[in-house]
C-alpha atoms as a PDB file:
ATOM      1  CA  MET A   1      10.500 112.616 139.502  1.00  0.00           C
ATOM      2  CA  GLU A   2      11.999 114.107 142.685  1.00  0.00           C
ATOM      3  CA  ALA A   3      14.511 111.263 142.952  1.00  0.00           C
ATOM      4  CA  ARG A   4      15.620 112.014 139.396  1.00  0.00           C
ATOM      5  CA  GLU A   5      16.150 115.689 140.298  1.00  0.00           C
ATOM      6  CA  VAL A   6      18.247 114.803 143.331  1.00  0.00           C
ATOM      7  CA  THR A   7      20.392 112.242 141.523  1.00  0.00           C
ATOM      8  CA  SER A   8      20.865 114.539 138.508  1.00  0.00           C
ATOM      9  CA  PHE A   9      21.986 117.331 140.810  1.00  0.00           C
ATOM     10  CA  ILE A  10      24.412 115.071 142.685  1.00  0.00           C
ATOM     11  CA  TYR A  11      25.918 113.571 139.523  1.00  0.00           C
ATOM     12  CA  SER A  12      26.352 117.059 138.034  1.00  0.00           C
ATOM     13  CA  HIS A  13      28.617 118.261 140.863  1.00  0.00           C
ATOM     14  CA  LYS A  14      31.938 116.532 141.573  1.00  0.00           C
ATOM     15  CA  LEU A  15      32.284 117.598 145.217  1.00  0.00           C
ATOM     16  CA  ILE A  16      28.859 116.282 146.178  1.00  0.00           C
ATOM     17  CA  LEU A  17      29.323 113.095 144.173  1.00  0.00           C
ATOM     18  CA  ALA A  18      32.695 112.445 145.835  1.00  0.00           C
ATOM     19  CA  PHE A  19      31.137 112.848 149.295  1.00  0.00           C
ATOM     20  CA  ILE A  20      28.230 110.530 148.475  1.00  0.00           C
ATOM     21  CA  ARG A  21      30.533 107.909 146.946  1.00  0.00           C
ATOM     22  CA  LYS A  22      32.715 108.009 150.046  1.00  0.00           C
ATOM     23  CA  GLU A  23      29.658 107.609 152.288  1.00  0.00           C
ATOM     24  CA  THR A  24      28.244 104.746 150.237  1.00  0.00           C
ATOM     25  CA  GLY A  25      31.511 102.838 150.022  1.00  0.00           C
ATOM     26  CA  GLY A  26      31.901 103.669 146.344  1.00  0.00           C
ATOM     27  CA  LYS A  27      28.438 102.461 145.373  1.00  0.00           C
ATOM     28  CA  GLU A  28      26.474 104.428 142.813  1.00  0.00           C
ATOM     29  CA  LEU A  29      23.067 105.884 143.629  1.00  0.00           C
ATOM     30  CA  VAL A  30      21.787 105.163 140.138  1.00  0.00           C
ATOM     31  CA  ARG A  31      21.699 101.461 139.308  1.00  0.00           C
ATOM     32  CA  PRO A  32      20.843 100.285 135.835  1.00  0.00           C
ATOM     33  CA  GLY A  33      18.331  97.470 135.625  1.00  0.00           C
ATOM     34  CA  LEU A  34      16.907  95.315 132.867  1.00  0.00           C
ATOM     35  CA  THR A  35      13.997  97.709 132.356  1.00  0.00           C
ATOM     36  CA  GLN A  36      13.358 101.365 133.065  1.00  0.00           C
ATOM     37  CA  SER A  37      10.990 100.554 135.929  1.00  0.00           C
ATOM     38  CA  VAL A  38      13.545  98.210 137.518  1.00  0.00           C
ATOM     39  CA  SER A  39      16.202 100.938 137.238  1.00  0.00           C
ATOM     40  CA  ALA A  40      13.840 103.428 138.889  1.00  0.00           C
ATOM     41  CA  PHE A  41      13.111 100.990 141.711  1.00  0.00           C
ATOM     42  CA  LEU A  42      16.798 100.224 142.301  1.00  0.00           C
ATOM     43  CA  THR A  43      17.646 103.939 142.361  1.00  0.00           C
ATOM     44  CA  LEU A  44      14.858 104.668 144.846  1.00  0.00           C
ATOM     45  CA  GLN A  45      16.072 101.772 146.959  1.00  0.00           C
ATOM     46  CA  ARG A  46      19.623 103.186 146.968  1.00  0.00           C
ATOM     47  CA  LEU A  47      18.374 106.679 147.836  1.00  0.00           C
ATOM     48  CA  TYR A  48      16.386 105.238 150.720  1.00  0.00           C
ATOM     49  CA  THR A  49      19.306 103.115 151.933  1.00  0.00           C
ATOM     50  CA  HIS A  50      21.633 106.122 151.932  1.00  0.00           C
ATOM     51  CA  LYS A  51      19.157 108.785 153.037  1.00  0.00           C
ATOM     52  CA  GLN A  52      21.148 109.564 156.205  1.00  0.00           C
ATOM     53  CA  SER A  53      24.281 110.233 154.147  1.00  0.00           C
ATOM     54  CA  LEU A  54      22.309 112.472 151.806  1.00  0.00           C
ATOM     55  CA  LYS A  55      20.819 114.390 154.725  1.00  0.00           C
ATOM     56  CA  ALA A  56      24.248 114.648 156.352  1.00  0.00           C
ATOM     57  CA  TRP A  57      25.637 116.287 153.223  1.00  0.00           C
ATOM     58  CA  PHE A  58      22.839 118.835 152.874  1.00  0.00           C
ATOM     59  CA  VAL A  59      23.168 119.979 156.500  1.00  0.00           C
ATOM     60  CA  SER A  60      26.983 119.884 156.594  1.00  0.00           C
ATOM     61  CA  GLU A  61      29.186 122.942 156.888  1.00  0.00           C
ATOM     62  CA  LYS A  62      30.797 122.052 153.534  1.00  0.00           C
ATOM     63  CA  TRP A  63      27.379 122.333 151.895  1.00  0.00           C
ATOM     64  CA  THR A  64      26.288 125.544 153.621  1.00  0.00           C
ATOM     65  CA  GLN A  65      29.572 127.216 152.625  1.00  0.00           C
ATOM     66  CA  ASN A  66      29.354 125.942 149.048  1.00  0.00           C
ATOM     67  CA  PRO A  67      28.052 128.535 146.545  1.00  0.00           C
ATOM     68  CA  LEU A  68      25.690 125.870 145.154  1.00  0.00           C
ATOM     69  CA  SER A  69      23.734 125.951 148.420  1.00  0.00           C
ATOM     70  CA  ARG A  70      22.545 129.456 147.521  1.00  0.00           C
ATOM     71  CA  LYS A  71      21.569 128.665 143.919  1.00  0.00           C
ATOM     72  CA  SER A  72      17.998 127.662 143.174  1.00  0.00           C
ATOM     73  CA  SER A  73      19.009 124.191 141.929  1.00  0.00           C
ATOM     74  CA  GLY A  74      21.005 123.547 145.112  1.00  0.00           C
ATOM     75  CA  GLN A  75      18.215 124.793 147.348  1.00  0.00           C
ATOM     76  CA  ARG A  76      15.719 122.615 145.491  1.00  0.00           C
ATOM     77  CA  ALA A  77      17.869 119.478 145.900  1.00  0.00           C
ATOM     78  CA  SER A  78      18.491 120.298 149.552  1.00  0.00           C
ATOM     79  CA  ASN A  79      14.791 120.872 150.185  1.00  0.00           C
ATOM     80  CA  LEU A  80      13.867 117.576 148.554  1.00  0.00           C
ATOM     81  CA  VAL A  81      16.245 115.701 150.849  1.00  0.00           C
ATOM     82  CA  VAL A  82      15.943 117.657 154.112  1.00  0.00           C
ATOM     83  CA  SER A  83      12.853 119.855 154.124  1.00  0.00           C
ATOM     84  CA  LYS A  84      10.289 117.508 155.640  1.00  0.00           C
ATOM     85  CA  ARG A  85      12.541 116.882 158.623  1.00  0.00           C
ATOM     86  CA  TRP A  86      13.424 120.561 158.955  1.00  0.00           C
ATOM     87  CA  VAL A  87       9.835 121.767 158.673  1.00  0.00           C
ATOM     88  CA  GLU A  88       8.814 119.325 161.405  1.00  0.00           C
ATOM     89  CA  GLN A  89      11.616 120.607 163.633  1.00  0.00           C
ATOM     90  CA  CYS A  90      10.770 124.193 162.752  1.00  0.00           C
ATOM     91  CA  ASN A  91       7.605 123.810 164.765  1.00  0.00           C
ATOM     92  CA  GLN A  92       9.696 123.291 167.895  1.00  0.00           C
ATOM     93  CA  PRO A  93      10.718 126.631 169.479  1.00  0.00           C
ATOM     94  CA  LEU A  94      14.119 125.350 170.597  1.00  0.00           C
ATOM     95  CA  HIS A  95      15.148 124.399 167.047  1.00  0.00           C
ATOM     96  CA  GLY A  96      13.972 127.747 165.711  1.00  0.00           C
ATOM     97  CA  ALA A  97      15.852 129.553 168.470  1.00  0.00           C
ATOM     98  CA  GLY A  98      18.988 127.585 167.616  1.00  0.00           C
ATOM     99  CA  TYR A  99      18.735 128.668 163.989  1.00  0.00           C
ATOM    100  CA  PHE A 100      18.161 132.289 165.034  1.00  0.00           C
ATOM    101  CA  LEU A 101      21.156 132.259 167.398  1.00  0.00           C
ATOM    102  CA  ASN A 102      23.600 130.574 165.006  1.00  0.00           C
ATOM    103  CA  PRO A 103      25.391 133.464 163.274  1.00  0.00           C
ATOM    104  CA  GLY A 104      26.634 131.181 160.499  1.00  0.00           C
ATOM    105  CA  TYR A 105      23.044 130.626 159.417  1.00  0.00           C
ATOM    106  CA  TYR A 106      21.310 133.783 160.580  1.00  0.00           C
ATOM    107  CA  TYR A 107      23.461 136.420 158.885  1.00  0.00           C
ATOM    108  CA  ASP A 108      23.888 134.514 155.607  1.00  0.00           C
ATOM    109  CA  ARG A 109      20.229 133.606 155.200  1.00  0.00           C
ATOM    110  CA  LYS A 110      17.868 136.132 156.651  1.00  0.00           C
ATOM    111  CA  GLU A 111      15.069 134.688 154.511  1.00  0.00           C
ATOM    112  CA  VAL A 112      13.325 132.163 156.701  1.00  0.00           C
ATOM    113  CA  GLU A 113      10.769 129.410 156.271  1.00  0.00           C
ATOM    114  CA  CYS A 114       9.268 129.930 159.710  1.00  0.00           C
ATOM    115  CA  ASP A 115       9.549 132.617 162.326  1.00  0.00           C
ATOM    116  CA  TYR A 116      12.819 131.837 164.096  1.00  0.00           C
ATOM    117  CA  GLU A 117      12.847 135.052 166.057  1.00  0.00           C
ATOM    118  CA  ALA A 118       9.398 134.256 167.460  1.00  0.00           C
ATOM    119  CA  ALA A 119      10.699 130.808 168.435  1.00  0.00           C
ATOM    120  CA  PHE A 120      13.651 132.447 170.173  1.00  0.00           C
ATOM    121  CA  LEU A 121      11.340 134.832 172.029  1.00  0.00           C
ATOM    122  CA  ALA A 122       9.147 131.915 173.122  1.00  0.00           C
ATOM    123  CA  CYS A 123      12.229 130.146 174.512  1.00  0.00           C
ATOM    124  CA  VAL A 124      13.351 133.279 176.342  1.00  0.00           C
ATOM    125  CA  GLU A 125       9.920 133.592 177.913  1.00  0.00           C
ATOM    126  CA  ILE A 126       9.948 129.961 179.032  1.00  0.00           C
ATOM    127  CA  MET A 127      13.547 129.834 180.262  1.00  0.00           C
ATOM    128  CA  THR A 128      13.939 133.108 182.126  1.00  0.00           C
ATOM    129  CA  ARG A 129      13.297 133.340 185.845  1.00  0.00           C
ATOM    130  CA  SER A 130      12.140 136.940 186.001  1.00  0.00           C
ATOM    131  CA  PRO A 131      10.810 139.720 183.776  1.00  0.00           C
ATOM    132  CA  ASN A 132      14.038 141.686 184.399  1.00  0.00           C
ATOM    133  CA  GLU A 133      16.162 138.804 183.107  1.00  0.00           C
ATOM    134  CA  GLU A 134      13.916 138.529 180.043  1.00  0.00           C
ATOM    135  CA  ASP A 135      14.219 142.290 179.419  1.00  0.00           C
ATOM    136  CA  GLU A 136      18.029 142.145 179.631  1.00  0.00           C
ATOM    137  CA  ILE A 137      18.175 139.374 177.041  1.00  0.00           C
ATOM    138  CA  LEU A 138      15.756 141.103 174.705  1.00  0.00           C
ATOM    139  CA  THR A 139      17.751 144.335 174.936  1.00  0.00           C
ATOM    140  CA  GLU A 140      20.788 142.483 173.553  1.00  0.00           C
ATOM    141  CA  VAL A 141      18.839 140.937 170.662  1.00  0.00           C
ATOM    142  CA  ASP A 142      18.918 144.208 168.709  1.00  0.00           C
ATOM    143  CA  SER A 143      22.733 144.239 168.856  1.00  0.00           C
ATOM    144  CA  TYR A 144      22.802 140.664 167.570  1.00  0.00           C
ATOM    145  CA  LYS A 145      20.265 141.208 164.772  1.00  0.00           C
ATOM    146  CA  ASN A 146      21.979 144.339 163.485  1.00  0.00           C
ATOM    147  CA  ALA A 147      25.570 143.157 164.101  1.00  0.00           C
ATOM    148  CA  LYS A 148      26.293 146.001 166.519  1.00  0.00           C
ATOM    149  CA  ASP A 149      28.770 146.175 169.398  1.00  0.00           C
ATOM    150  CA  LEU A 150      30.706 142.897 169.798  1.00  0.00           C
ATOM    151  CA  PHE A 151      28.637 141.220 167.060  1.00  0.00           C
ATOM    152  CA  GLY A 152      29.881 143.802 164.548  1.00  0.00           C
ATOM    153  CA  LYS A 153      33.598 143.411 165.267  1.00  0.00           C
ATOM    154  CA  GLY A 154      35.737 142.195 162.379  1.00  0.00           C
ATOM    155  CA  SER A 155      36.720 138.955 164.079  1.00  0.00           C
ATOM    156  CA  ALA A 156      33.104 138.143 164.951  1.00  0.00           C
ATOM    157  CA  ILE A 157      32.053 138.720 161.353  1.00  0.00           C
ATOM    158  CA  ARG A 158      34.934 136.658 159.901  1.00  0.00           C
ATOM    159  CA  LEU A 159      34.298 133.721 162.233  1.00  0.00           C
ATOM    160  CA  ARG A 160      30.506 133.514 161.811  1.00  0.00           C
ATOM    161  CA  SER A 161      30.625 130.466 159.588  1.00  0.00           C
ATOM    162  CA  LYS A 162      33.969 129.085 160.754  1.00  0.00           C
ATOM    163  CA  LYS A 163      33.500 128.802 164.495  1.00  0.00           C
ATOM    164  CA  GLN A 164      30.685 127.011 166.257  1.00  0.00           C
ATOM    165  CA  PRO A 165      28.464 129.323 168.313  1.00  0.00           C
END
């Protein structure tokens, strides 16, 4: 059932379908077979074979900037392809801190699946050499979270999703 949702979503959107076709060398994800069960098996096999390409699309900048990524159908398809991997990585403080510190993700999607700020704080605690250094970093976090000072400048806001952090 989930494979059907993903393939239906992909085949309903030209940009995504074009990317997947390019990545698969023009091969279709859905392959007709002699029977319905054979077709289902062949489609699952294709999805499995091209899972890295599918994951690459749903974590790409093109996808995150696409309006579909914010619609429920797009989020559902993305979660079906990526979520297990992301949830596993979410348990690692460094990955959570990276999400928290990436303005392209943080400011556009303040709803979070796990506590990225807590992950960031855990990393700060581990990586700092002194309590004073930790305090200095944590003092700046408020400016970042609320887009104050340099984080609130027009150029910083415009380049959030265009420039790598």
